[in-house]
């Protein structure tokens, strides 16, 4: 019988608090890393129904980066709804639209909002949604380029859902990526382009014109703290899974344990931490991810409370 020795890898997050943090440690973290840690705390408090603490950590995160993630704004809004802070709720949702282009469809189907849809603030937001979206585009440096990338993404998705041949899909991908390189050279990086790059993932470590351009660009942006260190994690997991290794490194494919197990279950949390990902125990608590039976990591029961 194979015996798996248990281990404890504690997830200790310095949630927002009134104590002065170690200045040296803070200076070594990028804004994205500080943002993510506050959001993790916000989500943990949310799951524990400690909505004041949850909202406070989300708000601290937004003070660091105000245009990062729509879901974070929506969970922060739900925390505020639970403590009857309707003005804050509306401000957060409107900010998500004006600064991150929150999809109206996502707003409509965000389950956590359902018990509160009768509130007047939701009616007001729906009535003014188009105006808030216009505010987003009016504040962009290159609105036409942003819209062009949206069209490239639409082409990317259409060719994958309309019964087109593999040859046609490859043609669209090739035209899209050539134009994307031109855009990046002239206008810089756009976060919305991730999907277009993802569809060239099978060759992301190879010598080719696509990744010979984007790989050093992404590396530089990671080093500057402008992209997360985890950028390559899903790329590398998929490459490992499909190159005959049949395992995951970082466990970014949550529902594929049986087909693609984790390469080293005892080190997976430290590997995830090295690229700025939370431990699997966090994913279980926050997203109800089913963990492998031989995983023994734990969340710390000691979290600083603001």
C-alpha atoms as a PDB file:
ATOM      1  CA  UNK A   1       0.000   0.000   0.000  1.00  0.00           C
ATOM      2  CA  UNK A   2       1.311   3.411  -0.927  1.00  0.00           C
ATOM      3  CA  UNK A   3       1.604   5.654   2.116  1.00  0.00           C
ATOM      4  CA  UNK A   4       1.368   9.377   1.575  1.00  0.00           C
ATOM      5  CA  UNK A   5       2.896  11.411   4.349  1.00  0.00           C
ATOM      6  CA  UNK A   6       0.673  14.350   5.246  1.00  0.00           C
ATOM      7  CA  UNK A   7       2.039  17.852   5.388  1.00  0.00           C
ATOM      8  CA  UNK A   8       0.709  21.216   6.429  1.00  0.00           C
ATOM      9  CA  UNK A   9       1.300  24.206   4.237  1.00  0.00           C
ATOM     10  CA  UNK A  10      -0.319  27.130   5.933  1.00  0.00           C
ATOM     11  CA  UNK A  11      -1.713  30.014   3.960  1.00  0.00           C
ATOM     12  CA  UNK A  12      -0.932  33.121   6.000  1.00  0.00           C
ATOM     13  CA  UNK A  13      -2.243  36.298   4.466  1.00  0.00           C
ATOM     14  CA  UNK A  14      -1.652  39.658   6.087  1.00  0.00           C
ATOM     15  CA  UNK A  15      -5.223  40.876   5.726  1.00  0.00           C
ATOM     16  CA  UNK A  16      -5.819  44.571   6.000  1.00  0.00           C
ATOM     17  CA  UNK A  17      -5.314  45.694   9.573  1.00  0.00           C
ATOM     18  CA  UNK A  18      -4.339  48.692  11.627  1.00  0.00           C
ATOM     19  CA  UNK A  19      -0.836  47.478  12.380  1.00  0.00           C
ATOM     20  CA  UNK A  20       2.082  48.884  10.434  1.00  0.00           C
ATOM     21  CA  UNK A  21       3.328  46.258   8.007  1.00  0.00           C
ATOM     22  CA  UNK A  22       6.959  45.418   7.644  1.00  0.00           C
ATOM     23  CA  UNK A  23       8.103  48.101   5.204  1.00  0.00           C
ATOM     24  CA  UNK A  24      10.851  45.996   3.659  1.00  0.00           C
ATOM     25  CA  UNK A  25       8.442  43.175   2.874  1.00  0.00           C
ATOM     26  CA  UNK A  26       5.855  45.540   1.406  1.00  0.00           C
ATOM     27  CA  UNK A  27       8.426  47.147  -0.886  1.00  0.00           C
ATOM     28  CA  UNK A  28       9.303  43.766  -2.388  1.00  0.00           C
ATOM     29  CA  UNK A  29       5.718  43.162  -3.469  1.00  0.00           C
ATOM     30  CA  UNK A  30       4.247  44.520  -6.664  1.00  0.00           C
ATOM     31  CA  UNK A  31       0.912  46.311  -6.609  1.00  0.00           C
ATOM     32  CA  UNK A  32      -0.650  43.235  -8.214  1.00  0.00           C
ATOM     33  CA  UNK A  33       0.650  41.004  -5.413  1.00  0.00           C
ATOM     34  CA  UNK A  34      -0.638  43.366  -2.731  1.00  0.00           C
ATOM     35  CA  UNK A  35      -3.937  43.640  -4.564  1.00  0.00           C
ATOM     36  CA  UNK A  36      -4.329  39.871  -4.836  1.00  0.00           C
ATOM     37  CA  UNK A  37      -3.596  39.253  -1.155  1.00  0.00           C
ATOM     38  CA  UNK A  38      -6.251  41.783  -0.131  1.00  0.00           C
ATOM     39  CA  UNK A  39      -8.764  40.226  -2.528  1.00  0.00           C
ATOM     40  CA  UNK A  40      -8.007  36.740  -1.157  1.00  0.00           C
ATOM     41  CA  UNK A  41      -8.716  38.073   2.321  1.00  0.00           C
ATOM     42  CA  UNK A  42     -11.866  39.727   1.088  1.00  0.00           C
ATOM     43  CA  UNK A  43     -13.110  36.467  -0.384  1.00  0.00           C
ATOM     44  CA  UNK A  44     -12.243  34.435   2.726  1.00  0.00           C
ATOM     45  CA  UNK A  45     -14.128  36.884   4.941  1.00  0.00           C
ATOM     46  CA  UNK A  46     -17.005  36.843   2.452  1.00  0.00           C
ATOM     47  CA  UNK A  47     -17.275  33.061   2.703  1.00  0.00           C
ATOM     48  CA  UNK A  48     -17.233  33.360   6.512  1.00  0.00           C
ATOM     49  CA  UNK A  49     -20.044  35.947   6.240  1.00  0.00           C
ATOM     50  CA  UNK A  50     -17.862  38.594   7.862  1.00  0.00           C
ATOM     51  CA  UNK A  51     -19.020  41.215   5.412  1.00  0.00           C
ATOM     52  CA  UNK A  52     -17.555  44.303   7.094  1.00  0.00           C
ATOM     53  CA  UNK A  53     -14.079  42.742   6.964  1.00  0.00           C
ATOM     54  CA  UNK A  54     -14.674  41.504   3.446  1.00  0.00           C
ATOM     55  CA  UNK A  55     -15.715  44.907   2.141  1.00  0.00           C
ATOM     56  CA  UNK A  56     -12.835  46.659   3.914  1.00  0.00           C
ATOM     57  CA  UNK A  57     -10.218  44.411   2.287  1.00  0.00           C
ATOM     58  CA  UNK A  58     -11.797  44.768  -1.147  1.00  0.00           C
ATOM     59  CA  UNK A  59     -11.833  48.549  -0.783  1.00  0.00           C
ATOM     60  CA  UNK A  60      -8.168  48.547   0.225  1.00  0.00           C
ATOM     61  CA  UNK A  61      -7.422  46.448  -2.875  1.00  0.00           C
ATOM     62  CA  UNK A  62      -9.287  48.907  -5.112  1.00  0.00           C
ATOM     63  CA  UNK A  63      -7.256  51.768  -3.698  1.00  0.00           C
ATOM     64  CA  UNK A  64      -4.170  49.987  -5.033  1.00  0.00           C
ATOM     65  CA  UNK A  65      -5.656  49.033  -8.427  1.00  0.00           C
ATOM     66  CA  UNK A  66      -9.071  50.344  -9.374  1.00  0.00           C
ATOM     67  CA  UNK A  67      -9.372  48.748 -12.815  1.00  0.00           C
ATOM     68  CA  UNK A  68      -8.407  45.129 -12.260  1.00  0.00           C
ATOM     69  CA  UNK A  69     -11.284  42.637 -12.016  1.00  0.00           C
ATOM     70  CA  UNK A  70     -15.060  42.883 -12.404  1.00  0.00           C
ATOM     71  CA  UNK A  71     -15.785  39.868 -10.178  1.00  0.00           C
ATOM     72  CA  UNK A  72     -13.897  41.469  -7.306  1.00  0.00           C
ATOM     73  CA  UNK A  73     -16.123  44.534  -7.551  1.00  0.00           C
ATOM     74  CA  UNK A  74     -19.259  42.414  -7.681  1.00  0.00           C
ATOM     75  CA  UNK A  75     -18.293  40.376  -4.598  1.00  0.00           C
ATOM     76  CA  UNK A  76     -17.381  43.585  -2.782  1.00  0.00           C
ATOM     77  CA  UNK A  77     -20.791  44.951  -3.783  1.00  0.00           C
ATOM     78  CA  UNK A  78     -22.490  41.845  -2.412  1.00  0.00           C
ATOM     79  CA  UNK A  79     -20.627  42.220   0.880  1.00  0.00           C
ATOM     80  CA  UNK A  80     -21.924  45.796   1.057  1.00  0.00           C
ATOM     81  CA  UNK A  81     -25.455  44.618   0.233  1.00  0.00           C
ATOM     82  CA  UNK A  82     -25.326  42.244   3.190  1.00  0.00           C
ATOM     83  CA  UNK A  83     -24.629  45.141   5.574  1.00  0.00           C
ATOM     84  CA  UNK A  84     -27.104  47.554   3.961  1.00  0.00           C
ATOM     85  CA  UNK A  85     -24.551  49.955   2.508  1.00  0.00           C
ATOM     86  CA  UNK A  86     -26.501  50.638  -0.679  1.00  0.00           C
ATOM     87  CA  UNK A  87     -24.632  53.783  -1.677  1.00  0.00           C
ATOM     88  CA  UNK A  88     -21.344  51.903  -1.595  1.00  0.00           C
ATOM     89  CA  UNK A  89     -22.958  49.082  -3.589  1.00  0.00           C
ATOM     90  CA  UNK A  90     -24.007  51.411  -6.374  1.00  0.00           C
ATOM     91  CA  UNK A  91     -20.660  53.205  -6.418  1.00  0.00           C
ATOM     92  CA  UNK A  92     -18.787  49.900  -6.696  1.00  0.00           C
ATOM     93  CA  UNK A  93     -20.941  48.516  -9.504  1.00  0.00           C
ATOM     94  CA  UNK A  94     -20.858  51.759 -11.477  1.00  0.00           C
ATOM     95  CA  UNK A  95     -17.063  51.912 -11.058  1.00  0.00           C
ATOM     96  CA  UNK A  96     -16.782  48.350 -12.401  1.00  0.00           C
ATOM     97  CA  UNK A  97     -18.658  49.441 -15.526  1.00  0.00           C
ATOM     98  CA  UNK A  98     -16.872  52.754 -16.006  1.00  0.00           C
ATOM     99  CA  UNK A  99     -13.354  51.478 -15.320  1.00  0.00           C
ATOM    100  CA  UNK A 100     -13.382  47.811 -16.402  1.00  0.00           C
ATOM    101  CA  UNK A 101     -16.235  47.632 -18.908  1.00  0.00           C
ATOM    102  CA  UNK A 102     -18.267  45.185 -16.818  1.00  0.00           C
ATOM    103  CA  UNK A 103     -20.497  43.185 -19.127  1.00  0.00           C
ATOM    104  CA  UNK A 104     -24.210  43.888 -18.720  1.00  0.00           C
ATOM    105  CA  UNK A 105     -24.869  40.199 -19.278  1.00  0.00           C
ATOM    106  CA  UNK A 106     -22.544  39.318 -16.389  1.00  0.00           C
ATOM    107  CA  UNK A 107     -24.228  41.943 -14.226  1.00  0.00           C
ATOM    108  CA  UNK A 108     -27.626  40.388 -15.009  1.00  0.00           C
ATOM    109  CA  UNK A 109     -26.555  36.826 -14.250  1.00  0.00           C
ATOM    110  CA  UNK A 110     -24.302  37.368 -11.208  1.00  0.00           C
ATOM    111  CA  UNK A 111     -26.050  35.014  -8.770  1.00  0.00           C
ATOM    112  CA  UNK A 112     -25.077  36.827  -5.585  1.00  0.00           C
ATOM    113  CA  UNK A 113     -27.129  39.843  -6.699  1.00  0.00           C
ATOM    114  CA  UNK A 114     -30.373  37.872  -7.134  1.00  0.00           C
ATOM    115  CA  UNK A 115     -31.809  38.356  -3.596  1.00  0.00           C
ATOM    116  CA  UNK A 116     -31.367  42.120  -3.964  1.00  0.00           C
ATOM    117  CA  UNK A 117     -32.573  42.733  -7.537  1.00  0.00           C
ATOM    118  CA  UNK A 118     -35.705  44.449  -6.199  1.00  0.00           C
ATOM    119  CA  UNK A 119     -33.655  47.331  -4.815  1.00  0.00           C
ATOM    120  CA  UNK A 120     -33.997  50.638  -6.614  1.00  0.00           C
ATOM    121  CA  UNK A 121     -30.261  50.890  -7.147  1.00  0.00           C
ATOM    122  CA  UNK A 122     -30.350  47.905  -9.541  1.00  0.00           C
ATOM    123  CA  UNK A 123     -33.106  49.539 -11.587  1.00  0.00           C
ATOM    124  CA  UNK A 124     -31.143  52.787 -11.732  1.00  0.00           C
ATOM    125  CA  UNK A 125     -27.997  50.972 -12.870  1.00  0.00           C
ATOM    126  CA  UNK A 126     -29.877  49.119 -15.623  1.00  0.00           C
ATOM    127  CA  UNK A 127     -31.416  52.356 -16.902  1.00  0.00           C
ATOM    128  CA  UNK A 128     -28.014  54.057 -17.068  1.00  0.00           C
ATOM    129  CA  UNK A 129     -25.890  51.072 -18.121  1.00  0.00           C
ATOM    130  CA  UNK A 130     -25.259  52.397 -21.637  1.00  0.00           C
ATOM    131  CA  UNK A 131     -24.154  55.754 -20.263  1.00  0.00           C
ATOM    132  CA  UNK A 132     -21.695  54.102 -17.872  1.00  0.00           C
ATOM    133  CA  UNK A 133     -20.334  51.996 -20.752  1.00  0.00           C
ATOM    134  CA  UNK A 134     -19.850  55.178 -22.774  1.00  0.00           C
ATOM    135  CA  UNK A 135     -17.888  56.627 -19.869  1.00  0.00           C
ATOM    136  CA  UNK A 136     -15.543  53.643 -20.095  1.00  0.00           C
ATOM    137  CA  UNK A 137     -14.819  54.155 -23.789  1.00  0.00           C
ATOM    138  CA  UNK A 138     -14.536  57.924 -23.411  1.00  0.00           C
ATOM    139  CA  UNK A 139     -11.771  57.427 -20.854  1.00  0.00           C
ATOM    140  CA  UNK A 140      -9.701  55.051 -22.983  1.00  0.00           C
ATOM    141  CA  UNK A 141      -6.463  56.286 -24.513  1.00  0.00           C
ATOM    142  CA  UNK A 142      -7.073  54.300 -27.708  1.00  0.00           C
ATOM    143  CA  UNK A 143     -10.811  53.468 -27.852  1.00  0.00           C
ATOM    144  CA  UNK A 144     -10.746  52.458 -31.515  1.00  0.00           C
ATOM    145  CA  UNK A 145      -7.889  50.014 -30.927  1.00  0.00           C
ATOM    146  CA  UNK A 146      -9.708  48.534 -27.920  1.00  0.00           C
ATOM    147  CA  UNK A 147     -12.773  48.022 -30.122  1.00  0.00           C
ATOM    148  CA  UNK A 148     -10.620  46.489 -32.852  1.00  0.00           C
ATOM    149  CA  UNK A 149      -9.256  43.941 -30.361  1.00  0.00           C
ATOM    150  CA  UNK A 150     -12.853  43.187 -29.366  1.00  0.00           C
ATOM    151  CA  UNK A 151     -13.584  42.475 -33.050  1.00  0.00           C
ATOM    152  CA  UNK A 152     -10.530  40.204 -33.277  1.00  0.00           C
ATOM    153  CA  UNK A 153     -11.831  38.284 -30.253  1.00  0.00           C
ATOM    154  CA  UNK A 154     -15.286  38.038 -31.868  1.00  0.00           C
ATOM    155  CA  UNK A 155     -13.696  36.567 -35.015  1.00  0.00           C
ATOM    156  CA  UNK A 156     -11.707  34.177 -32.822  1.00  0.00           C
ATOM    157  CA  UNK A 157     -14.877  32.919 -31.145  1.00  0.00           C
ATOM    158  CA  UNK A 158     -17.054  32.846 -34.260  1.00  0.00           C
ATOM    159  CA  UNK A 159     -14.721  30.554 -36.172  1.00  0.00           C
ATOM    160  CA  UNK A 160     -14.755  28.167 -33.194  1.00  0.00           C
ATOM    161  CA  UNK A 161     -18.538  28.015 -32.899  1.00  0.00           C
ATOM    162  CA  UNK A 162     -19.945  28.229 -36.416  1.00  0.00           C
ATOM    163  CA  UNK A 163     -18.756  24.873 -37.743  1.00  0.00           C
ATOM    164  CA  UNK A 164     -15.761  26.275 -39.609  1.00  0.00           C
ATOM    165  CA  UNK A 165     -12.981  23.897 -40.600  1.00  0.00           C
ATOM    166  CA  UNK A 166      -9.706  23.610 -38.743  1.00  0.00           C
ATOM    167  CA  UNK A 167      -7.998  25.182 -41.725  1.00  0.00           C
ATOM    168  CA  UNK A 168     -10.251  28.235 -41.560  1.00  0.00           C
ATOM    169  CA  UNK A 169      -9.696  28.513 -37.802  1.00  0.00           C
ATOM    170  CA  UNK A 170      -5.924  28.467 -38.267  1.00  0.00           C
ATOM    171  CA  UNK A 171      -6.233  31.140 -40.964  1.00  0.00           C
ATOM    172  CA  UNK A 172      -8.223  33.437 -38.669  1.00  0.00           C
ATOM    173  CA  UNK A 173      -5.779  32.823 -35.801  1.00  0.00           C
ATOM    174  CA  UNK A 174      -2.850  33.678 -38.055  1.00  0.00           C
ATOM    175  CA  UNK A 175      -4.415  36.917 -39.308  1.00  0.00           C
ATOM    176  CA  UNK A 176      -5.472  37.878 -35.787  1.00  0.00           C
ATOM    177  CA  UNK A 177      -2.056  37.349 -34.252  1.00  0.00           C
ATOM    178  CA  UNK A 178      -0.246  39.235 -37.025  1.00  0.00           C
ATOM    179  CA  UNK A 179      -2.529  42.219 -36.469  1.00  0.00           C
ATOM    180  CA  UNK A 180      -2.138  41.892 -32.691  1.00  0.00           C
ATOM    181  CA  UNK A 181       1.645  42.117 -32.987  1.00  0.00           C
ATOM    182  CA  UNK A 182       1.255  45.291 -35.059  1.00  0.00           C
ATOM    183  CA  UNK A 183      -1.092  46.751 -32.439  1.00  0.00           C
ATOM    184  CA  UNK A 184       1.275  45.943 -29.576  1.00  0.00           C
ATOM    185  CA  UNK A 185       4.231  47.481 -31.384  1.00  0.00           C
ATOM    186  CA  UNK A 186       2.350  50.728 -32.026  1.00  0.00           C
ATOM    187  CA  UNK A 187      -0.034  51.069 -29.081  1.00  0.00           C
ATOM    188  CA  UNK A 188       1.276  48.786 -26.349  1.00  0.00           C
ATOM    189  CA  UNK A 189      -0.203  45.933 -24.344  1.00  0.00           C
ATOM    190  CA  UNK A 190      -3.955  45.352 -23.923  1.00  0.00           C
ATOM    191  CA  UNK A 191      -5.148  42.926 -21.244  1.00  0.00           C
ATOM    192  CA  UNK A 192      -8.122  42.004 -23.416  1.00  0.00           C
ATOM    193  CA  UNK A 193      -5.816  40.272 -25.896  1.00  0.00           C
ATOM    194  CA  UNK A 194      -5.208  37.283 -23.600  1.00  0.00           C
ATOM    195  CA  UNK A 195      -7.627  34.982 -25.445  1.00  0.00           C
ATOM    196  CA  UNK A 196      -5.933  35.639 -28.793  1.00  0.00           C
ATOM    197  CA  UNK A 197      -2.592  34.620 -27.294  1.00  0.00           C
ATOM    198  CA  UNK A 198      -4.133  31.619 -25.538  1.00  0.00           C
ATOM    199  CA  UNK A 199      -5.076  30.129 -28.883  1.00  0.00           C
ATOM    200  CA  UNK A 200      -1.372  29.950 -29.723  1.00  0.00           C
ATOM    201  CA  UNK A 201      -0.569  28.211 -26.435  1.00  0.00           C
ATOM    202  CA  UNK A 202       0.660  24.950 -27.942  1.00  0.00           C
ATOM    203  CA  UNK A 203       3.830  26.649 -29.189  1.00  0.00           C
ATOM    204  CA  UNK A 204       4.422  29.170 -26.399  1.00  0.00           C
ATOM    205  CA  UNK A 205       7.839  27.716 -25.447  1.00  0.00           C
ATOM    206  CA  UNK A 206       8.956  27.156 -29.042  1.00  0.00           C
ATOM    207  CA  UNK A 207      11.007  29.201 -31.506  1.00  0.00           C
ATOM    208  CA  UNK A 208       8.427  31.010 -33.669  1.00  0.00           C
ATOM    209  CA  UNK A 209       7.560  34.556 -34.704  1.00  0.00           C
ATOM    210  CA  UNK A 210       4.541  34.784 -32.385  1.00  0.00           C
ATOM    211  CA  UNK A 211       6.234  33.945 -29.121  1.00  0.00           C
ATOM    212  CA  UNK A 212       9.634  35.316 -30.064  1.00  0.00           C
ATOM    213  CA  UNK A 213       7.822  38.658 -29.967  1.00  0.00           C
ATOM    214  CA  UNK A 214       5.430  38.134 -27.044  1.00  0.00           C
ATOM    215  CA  UNK A 215       7.553  35.980 -24.712  1.00  0.00           C
ATOM    216  CA  UNK A 216      10.192  38.656 -23.933  1.00  0.00           C
ATOM    217  CA  UNK A 217       7.455  41.301 -23.768  1.00  0.00           C
ATOM    218  CA  UNK A 218       5.507  39.293 -21.202  1.00  0.00           C
ATOM    219  CA  UNK A 219       8.690  38.481 -19.278  1.00  0.00           C
ATOM    220  CA  UNK A 220       9.520  42.177 -19.029  1.00  0.00           C
ATOM    221  CA  UNK A 221       5.998  43.077 -17.888  1.00  0.00           C
ATOM    222  CA  UNK A 222       6.107  40.358 -15.210  1.00  0.00           C
ATOM    223  CA  UNK A 223       9.468  41.653 -13.964  1.00  0.00           C
ATOM    224  CA  UNK A 224       8.034  45.178 -13.765  1.00  0.00           C
ATOM    225  CA  UNK A 225       5.007  43.932 -11.848  1.00  0.00           C
ATOM    226  CA  UNK A 226       2.648  44.853 -14.687  1.00  0.00           C
ATOM    227  CA  UNK A 227       1.542  41.256 -15.242  1.00  0.00           C
ATOM    228  CA  UNK A 228       1.083  38.481 -12.703  1.00  0.00           C
ATOM    229  CA  UNK A 229       3.819  35.899 -12.247  1.00  0.00           C
ATOM    230  CA  UNK A 230       1.095  33.307 -12.775  1.00  0.00           C
ATOM    231  CA  UNK A 231       0.648  34.381 -16.412  1.00  0.00           C
ATOM    232  CA  UNK A 232       2.335  31.233 -17.729  1.00  0.00           C
ATOM    233  CA  UNK A 233       0.867  28.760 -15.206  1.00  0.00           C
ATOM    234  CA  UNK A 234      -2.099  27.640 -17.287  1.00  0.00           C
ATOM    235  CA  UNK A 235      -0.005  27.631 -20.456  1.00  0.00           C
ATOM    236  CA  UNK A 236       2.568  25.368 -18.783  1.00  0.00           C
ATOM    237  CA  UNK A 237      -0.087  23.100 -17.270  1.00  0.00           C
ATOM    238  CA  UNK A 238      -1.679  22.536 -20.649  1.00  0.00           C
ATOM    239  CA  UNK A 239       1.667  21.919 -22.326  1.00  0.00           C
ATOM    240  CA  UNK A 240       2.546  19.380 -19.635  1.00  0.00           C
ATOM    241  CA  UNK A 241      -0.834  17.672 -19.980  1.00  0.00           C
ATOM    242  CA  UNK A 242      -0.737  17.420 -23.747  1.00  0.00           C
ATOM    243  CA  UNK A 243       2.962  16.683 -24.324  1.00  0.00           C
ATOM    244  CA  UNK A 244       2.606  13.143 -23.070  1.00  0.00           C
ATOM    245  CA  UNK A 245       3.337  13.856 -19.409  1.00  0.00           C
ATOM    246  CA  UNK A 246      -0.360  13.597 -18.480  1.00  0.00           C
ATOM    247  CA  UNK A 247       0.006  15.670 -15.309  1.00  0.00           C
ATOM    248  CA  UNK A 248      -0.513  19.209 -14.092  1.00  0.00           C
ATOM    249  CA  UNK A 249       2.157  21.324 -12.427  1.00  0.00           C
ATOM    250  CA  UNK A 250       0.118  24.125 -10.838  1.00  0.00           C
ATOM    251  CA  UNK A 251      -3.359  22.569 -10.909  1.00  0.00           C
ATOM    252  CA  UNK A 252      -5.050  25.258 -12.964  1.00  0.00           C
ATOM    253  CA  UNK A 253      -7.458  22.682 -14.408  1.00  0.00           C
ATOM    254  CA  UNK A 254      -9.546  22.089 -11.306  1.00  0.00           C
ATOM    255  CA  UNK A 255     -11.886  19.454 -12.698  1.00  0.00           C
ATOM    256  CA  UNK A 256      -9.356  17.207 -14.396  1.00  0.00           C
ATOM    257  CA  UNK A 257      -7.641  15.431 -11.484  1.00  0.00           C
ATOM    258  CA  UNK A 258      -8.543  11.954 -12.677  1.00  0.00           C
ATOM    259  CA  UNK A 259      -7.266  12.395 -16.204  1.00  0.00           C
ATOM    260  CA  UNK A 260      -4.435  14.792 -15.400  1.00  0.00           C
ATOM    261  CA  UNK A 261      -3.260  14.424 -11.770  1.00  0.00           C
ATOM    262  CA  UNK A 262      -0.944  16.885 -10.059  1.00  0.00           C
ATOM    263  CA  UNK A 263       2.717  16.085 -10.667  1.00  0.00           C
ATOM    264  CA  UNK A 264       3.837  16.656  -7.081  1.00  0.00           C
ATOM    265  CA  UNK A 265       0.975  16.951  -4.615  1.00  0.00           C
ATOM    266  CA  UNK A 266       3.340  17.695  -1.715  1.00  0.00           C
ATOM    267  CA  UNK A 267       4.839  20.685  -3.498  1.00  0.00           C
ATOM    268  CA  UNK A 268       1.876  22.014  -5.443  1.00  0.00           C
ATOM    269  CA  UNK A 269       1.084  24.809  -2.967  1.00  0.00           C
ATOM    270  CA  UNK A 270       4.692  26.010  -2.836  1.00  0.00           C
ATOM    271  CA  UNK A 271       4.819  25.942  -6.655  1.00  0.00           C
ATOM    272  CA  UNK A 272       1.575  27.900  -6.814  1.00  0.00           C
ATOM    273  CA  UNK A 273       2.908  30.385  -4.271  1.00  0.00           C
ATOM    274  CA  UNK A 274       6.062  30.880  -6.334  1.00  0.00           C
ATOM    275  CA  UNK A 275       3.937  32.249  -9.179  1.00  0.00           C
ATOM    276  CA  UNK A 276       1.524  34.185  -6.984  1.00  0.00           C
ATOM    277  CA  UNK A 277      -1.359  31.716  -6.805  1.00  0.00           C
ATOM    278  CA  UNK A 278      -3.199  30.886  -3.558  1.00  0.00           C
ATOM    279  CA  UNK A 279      -3.066  27.344  -2.135  1.00  0.00           C
ATOM    280  CA  UNK A 280      -5.558  24.716  -3.221  1.00  0.00           C
ATOM    281  CA  UNK A 281      -7.220  24.908   0.190  1.00  0.00           C
ATOM    282  CA  UNK A 282      -8.202  28.483  -0.673  1.00  0.00           C
ATOM    283  CA  UNK A 283      -9.742  27.307  -3.944  1.00  0.00           C
ATOM    284  CA  UNK A 284     -11.786  24.733  -2.022  1.00  0.00           C
ATOM    285  CA  UNK A 285     -13.098  27.251   0.520  1.00  0.00           C
ATOM    286  CA  UNK A 286     -13.858  30.057  -1.909  1.00  0.00           C
ATOM    287  CA  UNK A 287     -14.861  28.218  -5.086  1.00  0.00           C
ATOM    288  CA  UNK A 288     -15.905  24.787  -3.740  1.00  0.00           C
ATOM    289  CA  UNK A 289     -13.195  23.096  -5.793  1.00  0.00           C
ATOM    290  CA  UNK A 290     -13.028  19.388  -5.016  1.00  0.00           C
ATOM    291  CA  UNK A 291      -9.499  18.569  -3.892  1.00  0.00           C
ATOM    292  CA  UNK A 292      -7.500  15.395  -4.592  1.00  0.00           C
ATOM    293  CA  UNK A 293      -7.775  12.838  -1.789  1.00  0.00           C
ATOM    294  CA  UNK A 294      -4.032  12.930  -1.100  1.00  0.00           C
ATOM    295  CA  UNK A 295      -3.889  16.710  -0.694  1.00  0.00           C
ATOM    296  CA  UNK A 296      -3.200  17.722   2.917  1.00  0.00           C
ATOM    297  CA  UNK A 297      -2.713  21.489   2.737  1.00  0.00           C
ATOM    298  CA  UNK A 298      -4.584  23.666   5.207  1.00  0.00           C
ATOM    299  CA  UNK A 299      -5.624  27.277   5.452  1.00  0.00           C
ATOM    300  CA  UNK A 300      -4.257  29.048   8.475  1.00  0.00           C
ATOM    301  CA  UNK A 301      -6.846  29.570  11.196  1.00  0.00           C
ATOM    302  CA  UNK A 302      -4.976  32.727  12.244  1.00  0.00           C
ATOM    303  CA  UNK A 303      -5.835  35.633  10.003  1.00  0.00           C
ATOM    304  CA  UNK A 304      -5.380  39.200  11.150  1.00  0.00           C
ATOM    305  CA  UNK A 305      -8.719  40.944  11.364  1.00  0.00           C
ATOM    306  CA  UNK A 306      -9.081  44.626  10.700  1.00  0.00           C
END
